[in-house]
Amino acid sequence: MSVQNNKKIAISFDLEFWHCGEHIRKYLPENYEIVPDIYKITTDKILNLLAAYNSQATFFVIGELAEKNLDLIKKIFLAGHEIAWHGFNHKLVYEMSLENFRHDLSFGQELIKNITGIEMAGFRAPNFSIRNDYLKILRENNFKYDSSRVGLRSKEENEIKQEFDIEEKSVSAIKIGKLIISLGGWYSRFLPYWFFSFFLKKIIKQNRIPIIYLHAIDLSPLPVKIKINPLIRMIKFWGVKKAWGKLERMLNDFESVRMDSIV
């Protein structure tokens, strides 16, 4: 392993509306679309923090948000970060027909290319809802890699590449017995930073670049008062106040790069 790679990680952000989560939809107010959202303020804070540490990242964006915020997407791109696709409206991929999925990807490539001037390389299915029969459609639409799995071994990723001619860049995870702890999401808020740092270094020693995923909601409070099941509230919003400090320590201790740079 080269000296240059001994601190590299790939941080990715799923950029979506706060109400996209599958577990929160049934608690939404009837007129949730008029409720102020937090993604613009949060994204600006993320960009400022990345710039302060000269770090790069990948933003998996949903099409509905991109359509309404062309300037925000362009701002992310011009700051040197990668724009990747997260589906048009956060619909689970395996609930879509192959033809609808094909249309979703084609629309996404055209939308983002009109903003940035280039085609996207990466895709991440909402809630990691991918199946192998959808991968060939990714390749047909000029995507270079998929990041819709968690905790795959190098052997498993290589098998996918050989069969479907597309890179599989799964989110890094720690397996403790049958428990799979992904490096990101609510675990990033729930677990202490030393835990993350220890396993990031362990993955790097295996000559792999860890892939971390976060949501804007992982760094933001709930923007509206609604009644939510206490367990769901904890999963979605517990530890938000400490999340920024953890992200800043990660950027200080490691070198974050775009995911398309490691494909």
Protein backbone atom coordinates (compact mmCIF):
# COMPACT_ATOMS: atom_id res chain seq x y z
CA MET A 1 0.00 0.00 0.00
CA SER A 2 1.38 3.39 -0.96
CA VAL A 3 1.95 6.06 1.62
CA GLN A 4 -0.53 8.29 -0.22
CA ASN A 5 -3.35 5.81 0.41
CA ASN A 6 -2.80 5.20 4.10
CA LYS A 7 -5.42 7.77 5.17
CA LYS A 8 -7.83 7.81 2.24
CA ILE A 9 -11.54 7.36 2.77
CA ALA A 10 -14.52 8.09 0.50
CA ILE A 11 -17.31 10.03 2.22
CA SER A 12 -20.66 10.08 0.44
CA PHE A 13 -23.84 12.00 1.22
CA ASP A 14 -27.34 10.93 0.22
CA LEU A 15 -28.95 14.28 -0.61
CA GLU A 16 -32.70 13.92 -0.24
CA PHE A 17 -35.71 15.48 1.48
CA TRP A 18 -35.99 14.89 5.23
CA HIS A 19 -39.27 13.04 4.69
CA CYS A 20 -37.90 10.48 2.21
CA GLY A 21 -37.19 7.81 4.80
CA GLU A 22 -39.40 4.73 4.57
CA HIS A 23 -39.96 4.61 8.35
CA ILE A 24 -41.13 8.19 8.69
CA ARG A 25 -43.67 8.53 5.89
CA LYS A 26 -46.70 7.36 7.84
CA TYR A 27 -46.06 10.05 10.46
CA LEU A 28 -45.95 12.94 8.01
CA PRO A 29 -48.45 15.80 8.25
CA GLU A 30 -50.92 15.94 5.38
CA ASN A 31 -49.32 19.11 3.99
CA TYR A 32 -45.69 18.17 4.61
CA GLU A 33 -44.59 19.63 1.26
CA ILE A 34 -45.09 23.18 2.56
CA VAL A 35 -43.00 22.51 5.68
CA PRO A 36 -39.59 24.25 5.52
CA ASP A 37 -36.84 21.79 4.70
CA ILE A 38 -33.30 21.75 6.00
CA TYR A 39 -31.25 20.35 3.13
CA LYS A 40 -30.11 23.73 1.70
CA ILE A 41 -28.74 25.03 5.00
CA THR A 42 -27.25 21.65 5.87
CA THR A 43 -25.64 21.20 2.44
CA ASP A 44 -24.05 24.64 2.64
CA LYS A 45 -22.59 23.75 6.04
CA ILE A 46 -21.29 20.46 4.65
CA LEU A 47 -19.66 22.23 1.69
CA ASN A 48 -18.02 24.79 3.97
CA LEU A 49 -16.67 22.06 6.24
CA LEU A 50 -15.32 20.04 3.31
CA ALA A 51 -13.65 23.15 1.90
CA ALA A 52 -12.05 23.93 5.27
CA TYR A 53 -10.28 20.55 5.19
CA ASN A 54 -9.64 20.54 1.43
CA SER A 55 -11.76 17.39 1.20
CA GLN A 56 -13.80 15.93 -1.63
CA ALA A 57 -16.98 13.87 -1.41
CA THR A 58 -19.73 12.29 -3.49
CA PHE A 59 -23.34 13.49 -3.32
CA PHE A 60 -26.02 10.98 -4.34
CA VAL A 61 -28.96 13.25 -5.20
CA ILE A 62 -32.61 12.47 -5.85
CA GLY A 63 -34.10 13.95 -9.02
CA GLU A 64 -37.03 15.73 -7.38
CA LEU A 65 -34.64 17.72 -5.23
CA ALA A 66 -32.24 18.40 -8.12
CA GLU A 67 -35.05 19.70 -10.35
CA LYS A 68 -36.07 22.23 -7.72
CA ASN A 69 -32.51 23.23 -6.81
CA LEU A 70 -30.43 23.45 -9.99
CA ASP A 71 -28.20 26.11 -8.46
CA LEU A 72 -27.47 23.96 -5.40
CA ILE A 73 -26.45 20.98 -7.53
CA LYS A 74 -24.23 23.20 -9.65
CA LYS A 75 -22.70 24.71 -6.50
CA ILE A 76 -21.79 21.23 -5.23
CA PHE A 77 -20.28 20.32 -8.61
CA LEU A 78 -18.29 23.55 -8.94
CA ALA A 79 -16.88 22.99 -5.44
CA GLY A 80 -15.15 19.91 -6.85
CA HIS A 81 -17.47 17.18 -5.60
CA GLU A 82 -19.02 14.31 -7.50
CA ILE A 83 -22.72 14.28 -8.36
CA ALA A 84 -24.23 10.78 -8.47
CA TRP A 85 -27.80 9.46 -8.80
CA HIS A 86 -30.13 8.32 -6.02
CA GLY A 87 -33.27 7.82 -8.10
CA PHE A 88 -35.85 10.42 -9.06
CA ASN A 89 -38.16 10.19 -6.04
CA HIS A 90 -36.49 7.76 -3.62
CA LYS A 91 -38.65 4.86 -4.74
CA LEU A 92 -37.32 1.41 -3.89
CA VAL A 93 -35.67 -0.04 -6.99
CA TYR A 94 -37.04 -3.56 -6.65
CA GLU A 95 -40.56 -2.07 -6.64
CA MET A 96 -39.93 -0.60 -10.10
CA SER A 97 -40.23 -2.47 -13.37
CA LEU A 98 -37.03 -2.81 -15.36
CA GLU A 99 -38.44 -0.41 -17.95
CA ASN A 100 -39.33 2.20 -15.34
CA PHE A 101 -35.87 1.84 -13.84
CA ARG A 102 -34.36 2.35 -17.27
CA HIS A 103 -36.40 5.54 -17.72
CA ASP A 104 -35.38 6.76 -14.24
CA LEU A 105 -31.68 6.38 -15.05
CA SER A 106 -31.96 7.91 -18.50
CA PHE A 107 -33.84 10.90 -17.11
CA GLY A 108 -31.25 11.31 -14.37
CA GLN A 109 -28.33 11.32 -16.78
CA GLU A 110 -29.99 13.99 -18.91
CA LEU A 111 -31.00 16.14 -15.92
CA ILE A 112 -27.57 16.18 -14.28
CA LYS A 113 -25.70 16.53 -17.57
CA ASN A 114 -27.74 19.67 -18.30
CA ILE A 115 -26.52 21.07 -14.97
CA THR A 116 -22.89 19.92 -14.88
CA GLY A 117 -22.07 19.19 -18.51
CA ILE A 118 -20.98 15.61 -17.79
CA GLU A 119 -22.65 12.25 -17.26
CA MET A 120 -22.80 10.71 -13.82
CA ALA A 121 -20.66 7.70 -12.99
CA GLY A 122 -22.32 6.46 -9.81
CA PHE A 123 -25.66 5.18 -8.55
CA ARG A 124 -26.99 4.27 -5.12
CA ALA A 125 -30.43 2.68 -4.74
CA PRO A 126 -32.67 4.17 -2.02
CA ASN A 127 -32.48 1.97 1.07
CA PHE A 128 -29.93 -0.20 -0.79
CA SER A 129 -32.84 -1.75 -2.72
CA ILE A 130 -30.93 -3.22 -5.69
CA ARG A 131 -31.08 -6.63 -7.34
CA ASN A 132 -28.61 -8.08 -9.81
CA ASP A 133 -31.05 -7.98 -12.74
CA TYR A 134 -31.08 -4.16 -12.50
CA LEU A 135 -27.30 -3.82 -12.79
CA LYS A 136 -27.20 -4.39 -16.55
CA ILE A 137 -29.51 -1.38 -16.98
CA LEU A 138 -27.05 0.75 -15.03
CA ARG A 139 -24.34 -0.18 -17.51
CA GLU A 140 -26.64 0.52 -20.48
CA ASN A 141 -27.02 4.09 -19.17
CA ASN A 142 -23.27 4.65 -18.89
CA PHE A 143 -22.99 4.34 -15.11
CA LYS A 144 -19.54 3.13 -14.08
CA TYR A 145 -20.25 1.95 -10.55
CA ASP A 146 -23.01 0.97 -8.15
CA SER A 147 -22.96 1.62 -4.39
CA SER A 148 -26.20 -0.10 -3.39
CA ARG A 149 -24.81 -2.85 -1.16
CA VAL A 150 -23.36 -2.94 2.34
CA GLY A 151 -20.33 -4.82 3.56
CA LEU A 152 -19.43 -6.91 0.50
CA ARG A 153 -16.04 -8.60 0.39
CA SER A 154 -13.59 -7.88 -2.42
CA LYS A 155 -14.34 -11.31 -3.89
CA GLU A 156 -18.07 -10.56 -4.05
CA GLU A 157 -17.45 -7.16 -5.65
CA ASN A 158 -15.17 -8.74 -8.26
CA GLU A 159 -17.81 -11.36 -9.11
CA ILE A 160 -20.35 -8.60 -9.77
CA LYS A 161 -17.87 -6.73 -11.96
CA GLN A 162 -17.09 -9.81 -14.03
CA GLU A 163 -20.75 -10.73 -14.57
CA PHE A 164 -22.27 -7.29 -15.13
CA ASP A 165 -19.30 -5.17 -16.27
CA ILE A 166 -19.90 -2.59 -13.57
CA GLU A 167 -17.90 -1.78 -10.44
CA GLU A 168 -19.58 -2.54 -7.14
CA LYS A 169 -18.44 -0.12 -4.43
CA SER A 170 -20.31 -1.27 -1.36
CA VAL A 171 -20.60 0.82 1.78
CA SER A 172 -18.03 -0.38 4.30
CA ALA A 173 -19.31 -2.35 7.25
CA ILE A 174 -18.16 -4.28 10.29
CA LYS A 175 -19.56 -7.75 10.83
CA ILE A 176 -19.86 -8.92 14.42
CA GLY A 177 -21.44 -12.35 14.30
CA LYS A 178 -24.69 -11.89 12.37
CA LEU A 179 -24.77 -8.15 13.10
CA ILE A 180 -23.72 -5.87 10.24
CA ILE A 181 -22.76 -2.34 11.28
CA SER A 182 -22.47 -0.04 8.29
CA LEU A 183 -20.02 2.85 8.46
CA GLY A 184 -22.59 5.57 8.19
CA GLY A 185 -26.25 6.41 8.56
CA TRP A 186 -27.64 6.29 12.08
CA TYR A 187 -24.62 4.29 13.27
CA SER A 188 -22.52 7.41 12.66
CA ARG A 189 -24.61 9.23 15.26
CA PHE A 190 -25.15 6.35 17.64
CA LEU A 191 -21.59 5.04 17.96
CA PRO A 192 -18.59 6.97 19.38
CA TYR A 193 -16.00 8.40 17.01
CA TRP A 194 -13.17 6.18 18.31
CA PHE A 195 -15.16 3.14 17.14
CA PHE A 196 -15.41 4.51 13.60
CA SER A 197 -11.80 5.62 13.53
CA PHE A 198 -10.55 2.21 14.70
CA PHE A 199 -12.40 0.33 11.96
CA LEU A 200 -11.56 2.86 9.26
CA LYS A 201 -7.88 2.30 10.01
CA LYS A 202 -8.43 -1.46 10.06
CA ILE A 203 -10.02 -1.39 6.59
CA ILE A 204 -7.23 0.83 5.26
CA LYS A 205 -4.64 -1.67 6.51
CA GLN A 206 -6.39 -4.25 4.31
CA ASN A 207 -5.47 -2.03 1.34
CA ARG A 208 -9.07 -0.92 0.85
CA ILE A 209 -10.49 2.58 0.84
CA PRO A 210 -13.42 2.75 3.29
CA ILE A 211 -16.71 4.07 1.91
CA ILE A 212 -18.84 6.02 4.39
CA TYR A 213 -22.39 7.16 3.75
CA LEU A 214 -24.30 9.92 5.52
CA HIS A 215 -27.60 11.72 5.02
CA ALA A 216 -28.21 15.43 5.40
CA ILE A 217 -30.75 14.36 8.02
CA ASP A 218 -27.91 12.72 9.96
CA LEU A 219 -26.61 16.24 10.55
CA SER A 220 -29.89 18.11 11.01
CA PRO A 221 -32.69 18.31 13.57
CA LEU A 222 -36.28 17.46 12.68
CA PRO A 223 -37.60 20.58 10.86
CA VAL A 224 -41.20 20.21 12.09
CA LYS A 225 -42.88 18.96 15.25
CA ILE A 226 -44.69 15.72 14.47
CA LYS A 227 -45.57 12.72 16.59
CA ILE A 228 -43.22 9.84 15.81
CA ASN A 229 -42.75 6.44 17.36
CA PRO A 230 -39.99 6.95 20.01
CA LEU A 231 -37.81 4.22 18.50
CA ILE A 232 -38.10 5.75 14.99
CA ARG A 233 -37.31 9.19 16.45
CA MET A 234 -34.18 7.83 18.09
CA ILE A 235 -33.04 6.10 14.90
CA LYS A 236 -33.63 9.18 12.75
CA PHE A 237 -32.48 11.99 15.03
CA TRP A 238 -30.55 10.70 18.07
CA GLY A 239 -27.05 12.19 18.29
CA VAL A 240 -27.55 14.91 15.68
CA LYS A 241 -25.92 17.56 17.88
CA LYS A 242 -22.68 15.56 18.07
CA ALA A 243 -22.67 14.50 14.41
CA TRP A 244 -20.92 17.62 13.13
CA GLY A 245 -18.05 17.16 15.57
CA LYS A 246 -17.61 13.53 14.47
CA LEU A 247 -17.60 14.52 10.79
CA GLU A 248 -15.03 17.25 11.41
CA ARG A 249 -12.75 14.85 13.31
CA MET A 250 -13.02 12.38 10.45
CA LEU A 251 -12.05 15.04 7.91
CA ASN A 252 -9.14 16.07 10.13
CA ASP A 253 -7.86 12.52 10.64
CA PHE A 254 -8.38 11.16 7.12
CA GLU A 255 -8.27 12.31 3.50
CA SER A 256 -11.72 12.16 1.91
CA VAL A 257 -11.88 11.57 -1.87
CA ARG A 258 -14.63 11.28 -4.47
CA MET A 259 -15.95 7.79 -5.15
CA ASP A 260 -15.39 8.06 -8.89
CA SER A 261 -11.68 8.54 -8.15
CA ILE A 262 -11.42 5.03 -6.69
CA VAL A 263 -13.31 3.24 -9.49
